[in-house]
Amino acid sequence: MTVWLAVGATAVGCYLLKLLGLSVPTGLLDRPVVRRFAALAPVALLAALTALQTLGRQHGQGLQLDVRAAGLAAAAAAVLLRAPFLVVVGSAVLVTALVRALAG
């Protein structure tokens, strides 16, 4: 029963958050600072999530390098070479799989 309460509370919270976004005045959204924040915030959040999932430890604090770091390095190299998005993702997956297979 508590799981369904959590699901219901999350659904109501998401609806209210969406409603809040729709009720923001247009004048506020046209400000340059808000536009710049809206453009850069998703990139920063995605970069933080990627770094946390790649370098974060599961138990305790600190950084831990594993095979995912090799995949991230391959993706970064592909981005620097201006490869298309699918090539970036594919190279990251391929390098991570190869390193994982070689590591045992």
Protein backbone atom coordinates (compact mmCIF):
# COMPACT_ATOMS: atom_id res chain seq x y z
CA MET A 1 0.00 0.00 0.00
CA THR A 2 2.83 2.42 0.78
CA VAL A 3 4.28 1.90 -2.68
CA TRP A 4 1.02 3.08 -4.25
CA LEU A 5 0.96 6.08 -1.95
CA ALA A 6 4.47 6.96 -3.10
CA VAL A 7 3.47 6.52 -6.75
CA GLY A 8 0.38 8.68 -6.24
CA ALA A 9 2.33 11.38 -4.37
CA THR A 10 4.95 11.42 -7.13
CA ALA A 11 2.28 11.74 -9.82
CA VAL A 12 0.60 14.63 -7.99
CA GLY A 13 3.99 16.30 -7.43
CA CYS A 14 4.89 15.99 -11.12
CA TYR A 15 1.52 17.43 -12.15
CA LEU A 16 1.91 20.38 -9.75
CA LEU A 17 5.46 21.02 -10.98
CA LYS A 18 4.24 21.01 -14.59
CA LEU A 19 1.38 23.35 -13.63
CA LEU A 20 3.85 25.67 -11.91
CA GLY A 21 5.96 25.81 -15.07
CA LEU A 22 2.96 26.68 -17.19
CA SER A 23 1.86 29.45 -14.83
CA VAL A 24 5.16 31.38 -14.97
CA PRO A 25 4.61 34.81 -16.56
CA THR A 26 5.95 35.22 -20.10
CA GLY A 27 7.83 38.37 -19.10
CA LEU A 28 9.96 36.38 -16.69
CA LEU A 29 10.84 33.80 -19.32
CA ASP A 30 11.96 36.46 -21.81
CA ARG A 31 14.75 37.74 -19.56
CA PRO A 32 18.26 36.95 -20.88
CA VAL A 33 19.43 35.48 -17.58
CA VAL A 34 16.54 33.03 -17.46
CA ARG A 35 17.05 32.04 -21.09
CA ARG A 36 20.76 31.44 -20.52
CA PHE A 37 20.06 29.40 -17.40
CA ALA A 38 17.44 27.33 -19.22
CA ALA A 39 19.91 26.62 -22.01
CA LEU A 40 22.83 25.66 -19.77
CA ALA A 41 21.18 23.90 -16.82
CA PRO A 42 20.35 20.63 -18.63
CA VAL A 43 23.92 20.37 -19.94
CA ALA A 44 25.38 20.91 -16.48
CA LEU A 45 23.00 18.40 -14.89
CA LEU A 46 23.76 15.76 -17.53
CA ALA A 47 27.51 16.30 -17.13
CA ALA A 48 27.22 15.97 -13.35
CA LEU A 49 25.15 12.79 -13.68
CA THR A 50 27.65 11.31 -16.14
CA ALA A 51 30.59 12.11 -13.87
CA LEU A 52 28.84 10.69 -10.82
CA GLN A 53 27.83 7.47 -12.55
CA THR A 54 31.28 7.03 -14.13
CA LEU A 55 33.56 7.97 -11.26
CA GLY A 56 31.45 7.58 -8.14
CA ARG A 57 31.86 4.76 -5.67
CA GLN A 58 28.91 2.68 -4.65
CA HIS A 59 30.02 2.33 -1.03
CA GLY A 60 31.77 5.12 0.80
CA GLN A 61 33.12 8.36 -0.51
CA GLY A 62 35.77 9.15 -3.07
CA LEU A 63 36.43 8.44 -6.71
CA GLN A 64 36.88 5.09 -8.35
CA LEU A 65 38.11 4.49 -11.88
CA ASP A 66 36.80 1.42 -13.66
CA VAL A 67 35.97 0.36 -17.23
CA ARG A 68 33.32 3.08 -17.56
CA ALA A 69 36.07 5.70 -17.44
CA ALA A 70 37.62 4.19 -20.57
CA GLY A 71 34.28 4.46 -22.35
CA LEU A 72 33.92 8.06 -21.24
CA ALA A 73 37.41 8.82 -22.54
CA ALA A 74 36.53 7.25 -25.89
CA ALA A 75 33.34 9.32 -26.07
CA ALA A 76 35.28 12.48 -25.23
CA ALA A 77 37.79 11.72 -27.96
CA ALA A 78 34.98 11.18 -30.47
CA VAL A 79 33.39 14.48 -29.45
CA LEU A 80 36.72 16.27 -29.91
CA LEU A 81 36.93 14.75 -33.39
CA ARG A 82 33.41 16.11 -34.07
CA ALA A 83 31.94 12.68 -34.67
CA PRO A 84 28.16 12.28 -34.99
CA PHE A 85 26.22 11.51 -31.81
CA LEU A 86 25.65 7.84 -32.65
CA VAL A 87 29.35 7.36 -33.31
CA VAL A 88 30.14 8.95 -29.93
CA VAL A 89 27.76 6.62 -28.11
CA GLY A 90 28.85 3.61 -30.13
CA SER A 91 32.53 4.20 -29.47
CA ALA A 92 31.87 4.57 -25.74
CA VAL A 93 29.91 1.32 -25.68
CA LEU A 94 32.47 -0.55 -27.76
CA VAL A 95 35.47 0.60 -25.73
CA THR A 96 33.71 -0.12 -22.44
CA ALA A 97 32.76 -3.62 -23.63
CA LEU A 98 36.29 -4.36 -24.87
CA VAL A 99 37.95 -3.16 -21.68
CA ARG A 100 35.42 -5.11 -19.60
CA ALA A 101 36.07 -8.27 -21.66
CA LEU A 102 39.84 -7.87 -21.36
CA ALA A 103 39.64 -7.22 -17.61
CA GLY A 104 37.96 -10.56 -17.10
